[in-house]
Amino acid sequence: MYLKLQLISTVRYSHFRNYAWHFATTVYFVVKSIYSIIKIPRLRPFER
């Protein structure tokens, strides 16, 4: 019973870790793209 519970918790932890890693990379790319979109219009007035 304990071994089974431990196995389930390990599987859930690894699944959660993979999900968290995927979520973190997705957020990073979204923030980077939004930052680049915001940054480009700000640079245009200085170029004029």
Protein backbone atom coordinates (compact mmCIF):
# COMPACT_ATOMS: atom_id res chain seq x y z
CA MET A 1 0.00 0.00 0.00
CA TYR A 2 2.77 2.45 0.98
CA LEU A 3 4.87 1.47 -2.03
CA LYS A 4 1.91 1.99 -4.33
CA LEU A 5 1.20 5.40 -2.80
CA GLN A 6 4.86 6.37 -3.13
CA LEU A 7 4.88 5.30 -6.79
CA ILE A 8 1.75 7.36 -7.51
CA SER A 9 3.22 10.42 -5.79
CA THR A 10 6.48 10.02 -7.75
CA VAL A 11 4.58 9.78 -11.04
CA ARG A 12 2.48 12.82 -10.14
CA TYR A 13 5.57 14.77 -9.13
CA SER A 14 7.39 14.00 -12.39
CA HIS A 15 4.25 14.86 -14.37
CA PHE A 16 3.87 18.12 -12.45
CA ARG A 17 7.56 18.93 -13.01
CA ASN A 18 7.25 18.35 -16.76
CA TYR A 19 4.09 20.48 -16.85
CA ALA A 20 5.78 23.24 -14.85
CA TRP A 21 8.79 23.18 -17.17
CA HIS A 22 6.52 23.38 -20.24
CA PHE A 23 4.53 26.21 -18.64
CA ALA A 24 7.71 28.12 -17.76
CA THR A 25 9.12 27.85 -21.29
CA THR A 26 5.77 28.90 -22.79
CA VAL A 27 5.54 31.93 -20.49
CA TYR A 28 9.15 32.84 -21.28
CA PHE A 29 8.58 32.84 -25.05
CA VAL A 30 5.29 34.74 -24.72
CA VAL A 31 6.88 37.40 -22.51
CA LYS A 32 9.88 37.66 -24.85
CA SER A 33 7.62 38.13 -27.88
CA ILE A 34 5.45 40.70 -26.07
CA TYR A 35 8.58 42.53 -24.89
CA SER A 36 9.96 42.65 -28.43
CA ILE A 37 6.59 43.92 -29.75
CA ILE A 38 6.48 46.65 -27.08
CA LYS A 39 10.15 47.52 -27.51
CA ILE A 40 9.97 48.09 -31.31
CA PRO A 41 7.37 50.94 -31.24
CA ARG A 42 9.31 52.66 -28.44
CA LEU A 43 12.46 52.71 -30.55
CA ARG A 44 10.75 54.24 -33.58
CA PRO A 45 10.29 57.78 -32.15
CA PHE A 46 14.01 57.91 -31.30
CA GLU A 47 14.94 56.89 -34.85
CA ARG A 48 13.11 59.83 -36.43
